Protein backbone atom coordinates (compact mmCIF):
# COMPACT_ATOMS: atom_id res chain seq x y z
CA MET A 1 -45.21 -64.46 -199.06
CA ARG A 2 -41.59 -64.09 -200.01
CA ARG A 3 -39.18 -62.15 -197.81
CA PRO A 4 -38.37 -59.41 -200.35
CA LEU A 5 -42.12 -58.71 -200.80
CA LYS A 6 -42.61 -58.53 -197.07
CA LEU A 7 -39.72 -56.08 -196.75
CA PHE A 8 -41.13 -53.93 -199.58
CA ILE A 9 -44.55 -53.77 -197.89
CA LEU A 10 -43.04 -52.89 -194.58
CA ILE A 11 -40.94 -50.07 -196.15
CA LEU A 12 -43.97 -48.76 -197.98
CA LEU A 13 -46.06 -48.70 -194.79
CA LEU A 14 -43.31 -46.92 -192.86
CA ALA A 15 -42.98 -44.30 -195.67
CA VAL A 16 -46.76 -43.66 -195.60
CA LEU A 17 -46.72 -43.38 -191.85
CA THR A 18 -43.79 -40.95 -191.97
CA ILE A 19 -45.62 -38.70 -194.47
CA ILE A 20 -48.74 -38.72 -192.28
CA LEU A 21 -46.90 -37.93 -189.09
CA SER A 22 -44.87 -35.20 -190.65
CA GLY A 23 -48.06 -33.36 -191.73
CA CYS A 24 -48.86 -31.53 -194.93
CA GLN A 25 -50.17 -28.13 -195.89
CA GLY A 26 -53.43 -29.21 -197.46
CA VAL A 27 -56.40 -31.25 -196.25
CA SER A 28 -57.37 -34.68 -197.49
CA PHE A 29 -61.08 -35.19 -197.86
CA ILE A 30 -63.29 -37.07 -200.32
CA PRO A 31 -65.93 -35.06 -202.08
CA GLY A 32 -69.15 -37.11 -201.99
CA ALA A 33 -68.07 -39.07 -198.89
CA SER A 34 -66.73 -36.44 -196.46
CA TYR A 35 -69.25 -34.12 -194.78
CA GLY A 36 -68.43 -30.69 -193.53
CA TYR A 37 -66.06 -27.73 -193.90
CA TYR A 38 -62.33 -28.03 -194.61
CA VAL A 39 -60.11 -25.00 -194.10
CA TRP A 40 -56.41 -24.70 -194.83
CA GLU A 41 -53.71 -22.42 -196.15
CA ASP A 42 -51.57 -22.91 -199.24
CA GLU A 43 -49.05 -20.39 -200.68
CA GLY A 44 -50.49 -17.58 -198.58
CA ARG A 45 -54.13 -18.12 -199.69
CA ILE A 46 -56.93 -19.43 -197.51
CA HIS A 47 -58.84 -22.42 -198.91
CA ILE A 48 -62.38 -23.15 -197.65
CA SER A 49 -64.11 -26.17 -199.12
CA TRP A 50 -67.29 -27.95 -198.15
CA SER A 51 -68.56 -31.34 -199.04
CA ILE A 52 -71.51 -33.68 -198.43
CA ASP A 53 -71.91 -37.42 -198.34
CA ARG A 54 -74.42 -37.69 -201.15
CA LYS A 55 -77.29 -35.81 -199.46
CA ASP A 56 -78.94 -32.34 -199.80
CA ALA A 57 -77.37 -29.62 -197.62
CA SER A 58 -77.07 -25.87 -197.47
CA PHE A 59 -73.80 -24.17 -196.57
CA SER A 60 -73.73 -20.44 -195.76
CA GLY A 61 -71.74 -17.97 -193.82
CA SER A 62 -69.07 -15.28 -194.19
CA ILE A 63 -65.34 -14.56 -194.16
CA SER A 64 -64.46 -11.20 -192.67
CA THR A 65 -61.15 -9.55 -191.73
CA ASP A 66 -59.50 -6.41 -190.60
CA GLY A 67 -57.16 -6.70 -193.58
CA ASN A 68 -57.72 -6.47 -197.29
CA ILE A 69 -59.46 -9.04 -199.48
CA GLY A 70 -57.65 -9.58 -202.73
CA GLU A 71 -58.12 -12.24 -205.35
CA VAL A 72 -61.14 -14.54 -204.87
CA GLU A 73 -61.62 -17.83 -206.73
CA LEU A 74 -64.99 -19.60 -206.50
CA VAL A 75 -64.45 -23.30 -207.02
CA ALA A 76 -67.10 -25.51 -208.59
CA TRP A 77 -69.68 -22.71 -208.22
CA GLU A 78 -73.16 -23.09 -209.80
CA ASP A 79 -75.72 -20.55 -210.90
CA ASN A 80 -77.87 -20.97 -207.80
CA ASP A 81 -74.83 -20.36 -205.47
CA VAL A 82 -74.49 -16.79 -204.26
CA SER A 83 -71.50 -14.77 -203.06
CA GLU A 84 -71.25 -11.11 -202.09
CA ILE A 85 -67.96 -9.32 -201.56
CA THR A 86 -67.27 -6.06 -199.80
CA GLU A 87 -63.94 -4.43 -198.79
CA ASP A 88 -63.54 -6.70 -195.73
CA THR A 89 -66.24 -9.40 -195.94
CA LEU A 90 -67.25 -12.19 -198.23
CA SER A 91 -70.71 -13.71 -197.66
CA TYR A 92 -71.85 -16.88 -199.35
CA THR A 93 -74.73 -19.29 -199.74
CA SER A 94 -74.22 -22.64 -201.44
CA THR A 95 -76.46 -25.64 -201.87
CA LEU A 96 -75.26 -29.20 -202.49
CA ASP A 97 -77.09 -32.33 -203.57
CA PRO A 98 -76.16 -35.90 -204.56
CA ASP A 99 -75.13 -34.72 -208.02
CA ASP A 100 -73.27 -31.61 -206.77
CA TYR A 101 -71.32 -32.56 -203.66
CA THR A 102 -68.57 -30.02 -203.26
CA ASP A 103 -67.92 -26.28 -203.57
CA GLY A 104 -65.21 -23.98 -202.36
CA ILE A 105 -63.59 -20.61 -202.00
CA ILE A 106 -59.90 -19.63 -202.38
CA ILE A 107 -59.29 -16.19 -201.02
CA GLU A 108 -56.22 -13.96 -200.70
CA ILE A 109 -56.17 -11.71 -197.58
CA THR A 110 -53.31 -9.34 -196.76
CA GLY A 111 -52.46 -7.04 -193.90
CA TYR A 112 -54.73 -8.73 -191.42
CA THR A 113 -54.47 -9.48 -187.67
CA TYR A 114 -57.43 -11.86 -187.88
CA ILE A 115 -59.70 -13.72 -190.29
CA GLU A 116 -63.11 -14.46 -188.90
CA LEU A 117 -65.14 -17.37 -190.30
CA ASP A 118 -68.85 -17.94 -189.76
CA THR A 119 -69.61 -21.41 -191.08
CA LYS A 120 -73.15 -22.74 -191.07
CA ILE A 121 -74.59 -26.00 -192.27
CA ASN A 122 -78.36 -26.04 -192.87
CA ASP A 123 -78.60 -22.65 -191.05
CA GLY A 124 -77.01 -24.04 -187.91
CA TYR A 125 -73.60 -24.72 -186.44
CA ASP A 126 -71.97 -28.10 -186.11
CA LEU A 127 -68.38 -27.50 -185.02
CA SER A 128 -67.43 -31.18 -185.22
CA ARG A 129 -67.84 -30.82 -189.01
CA VAL A 130 -65.61 -27.74 -189.32
CA HIS A 131 -62.01 -28.96 -189.83
CA LEU A 132 -58.94 -26.67 -189.71
CA GLY A 133 -55.56 -27.65 -191.13
CA ALA A 134 -54.10 -30.95 -192.22
CA PHE A 135 -54.91 -32.66 -188.88
CA LEU A 136 -58.47 -31.53 -188.90
CA ASN A 137 -58.72 -29.47 -185.71
CA ASN A 138 -62.21 -28.31 -184.72
CA PRO A 139 -62.83 -24.69 -183.61
CA GLU A 140 -64.23 -24.23 -180.07
CA ASP A 141 -66.65 -21.39 -181.00
CA SER A 142 -68.48 -20.05 -184.06
CA PRO A 143 -67.78 -17.55 -185.50
CA PHE A 144 -64.09 -18.26 -184.94
CA ARG A 145 -60.94 -16.39 -185.78
CA ILE A 146 -57.66 -17.33 -187.39
CA SER A 147 -54.55 -15.23 -186.73
CA PRO A 148 -51.53 -14.91 -188.92
CA GLY A 149 -49.27 -17.95 -188.66
CA TYR A 150 -52.09 -20.09 -187.25
CA PHE A 151 -51.54 -23.01 -189.63
CA GLU A 152 -47.75 -22.86 -189.13
CA GLU A 153 -48.36 -23.12 -185.34
CA VAL A 154 -50.61 -26.14 -185.95
CA ARG A 155 -47.97 -27.85 -187.99
CA ALA A 156 -45.41 -27.26 -185.19
CA ILE A 157 -47.53 -29.11 -182.64
CA PRO A 158 -46.08 -32.59 -181.86
CA TRP A 159 -47.82 -35.31 -183.90
CA TYR A 160 -49.29 -37.04 -180.75
CA GLU A 161 -51.00 -33.78 -179.69
CA LYS A 162 -52.79 -33.43 -183.06
CA LYS A 163 -56.04 -34.97 -184.16
CA PRO A 164 -56.84 -37.75 -184.66
CA PHE A 165 -53.92 -38.99 -182.55
CA SER A 166 -54.66 -36.81 -179.48
CA GLY A 167 -58.23 -38.00 -179.41
CA PHE A 168 -57.09 -41.61 -179.78
CA PHE A 169 -54.63 -41.42 -176.89
CA GLU A 170 -57.15 -39.58 -174.67
CA LYS A 171 -59.73 -42.30 -175.22
CA LEU A 172 -57.17 -44.92 -174.41
CA TYR A 173 -56.14 -43.16 -171.26
CA ASN A 174 -59.75 -42.44 -170.13
CA ASN A 175 -60.47 -46.18 -170.39
CA ILE A 176 -57.11 -47.32 -169.24
CA TYR A 177 -58.24 -50.56 -167.48
CA PHE A 178 -60.25 -51.57 -170.49
CA THR A 179 -57.32 -50.65 -172.67
CA PHE A 180 -54.90 -52.83 -170.71
CA ALA A 181 -57.39 -55.76 -170.71
CA PHE A 182 -57.99 -55.42 -174.43
CA LEU A 183 -54.26 -55.24 -175.25
CA PHE A 184 -53.52 -58.21 -172.96
CA ILE A 185 -56.21 -60.36 -174.58
CA ILE A 186 -54.93 -59.44 -178.03
CA GLY A 187 -51.37 -60.18 -176.85
CA VAL A 188 -52.40 -63.58 -175.49
CA ILE A 189 -54.08 -64.50 -178.69
CA VAL A 190 -51.10 -63.53 -180.76
CA ILE A 191 -48.67 -65.37 -178.43
CA GLU A 192 -50.78 -68.55 -178.48
CA ILE A 193 -50.92 -68.49 -182.30
CA ILE A 194 -47.16 -68.17 -182.43
CA ARG A 195 -46.81 -70.90 -179.82
CA ILE A 196 -48.74 -73.45 -181.86
CA THR A 197 -47.11 -72.41 -185.13
CA ALA A 198 -43.57 -70.92 -184.98
CA PHE A 199 -42.74 -72.50 -181.61
CA SER A 200 -44.32 -75.91 -182.31
CA GLY A 201 -41.88 -78.74 -182.08
CA ARG A 202 -39.07 -76.62 -180.66
CA LYS A 203 -37.25 -77.90 -177.55
CA LEU A 204 -37.33 -74.51 -175.89
CA ARG A 205 -40.94 -73.83 -176.69
CA LYS A 206 -41.83 -73.13 -173.06
CA LEU A 207 -38.96 -70.77 -172.69
CA TYR A 208 -39.85 -68.86 -175.82
CA THR A 209 -43.50 -68.63 -174.70
CA GLY A 210 -42.47 -67.38 -171.27
CA ILE A 211 -40.25 -64.66 -172.87
CA ALA A 212 -43.18 -63.68 -175.13
CA TYR A 213 -45.38 -63.11 -172.13
CA ILE A 214 -42.69 -61.10 -170.35
CA ILE A 215 -42.43 -58.90 -173.49
CA LEU A 216 -46.23 -58.44 -173.43
CA ILE A 217 -46.15 -57.33 -169.80
CA CYS A 218 -43.33 -54.87 -170.59
CA LEU A 219 -45.34 -53.53 -173.49
CA GLU A 220 -48.33 -52.97 -171.20
CA VAL A 221 -46.08 -50.99 -168.79
CA ALA A 222 -44.64 -49.02 -171.74
CA VAL A 223 -48.11 -48.14 -173.02
CA TYR A 224 -49.13 -46.89 -169.55
CA PHE A 225 -46.15 -44.48 -169.37
CA LEU A 226 -46.59 -43.39 -173.00
CA LEU A 227 -50.24 -42.55 -172.31
CA ARG A 228 -49.27 -40.53 -169.27
CA LEU A 229 -46.61 -38.68 -171.36
CA PHE A 230 -48.95 -37.94 -174.32
CA VAL A 231 -52.21 -37.24 -172.48
CA LEU A 232 -51.33 -35.61 -169.16
């Protein structure tokens, strides 16, 4: 692979990573592959979408508030889907199947101190499949409430405390000895590949190899302190 192409790929990967770490207002999910609820805010309106991974499922619940419900848009709604709107509550029932794998609601709510969401899947609760904001946080209870500025507060959280990064770092820290052993084995494999390829035939091959192992040990120490910083 030519050097300019390698440089282009590296820049592209860095750009994608920067966009991911900086967060976004919407939620990325794939209708027909993703399964669950996805809730976010865009231009002052609350978006609630649900999707299945090519199976039959029933989604039902309600959106209630102490404010005023304004404009409501039903997205990809079918004849057998039902919604009922009162002054402060929107109730819904929606069924999905392999040929109809996503529905949603866009709702404008003003003058509120809370929005309460009751989100059921197949008449039960599965909080691991209810995702809030761009980094897919899960609520702790159901029904759960969103206060004004909730999504701005989520975006202000450091990237390493957001999901999925926070869960990844926590898993690494909870299995720290396995993590170190795994990283060390991977490091050894990489170093040995470099030793028999890039370092092959060089007069200072042993010196280069020794420096590589010192770097690996330093990386292990750095990982330990980074995990302590991010998790504890």
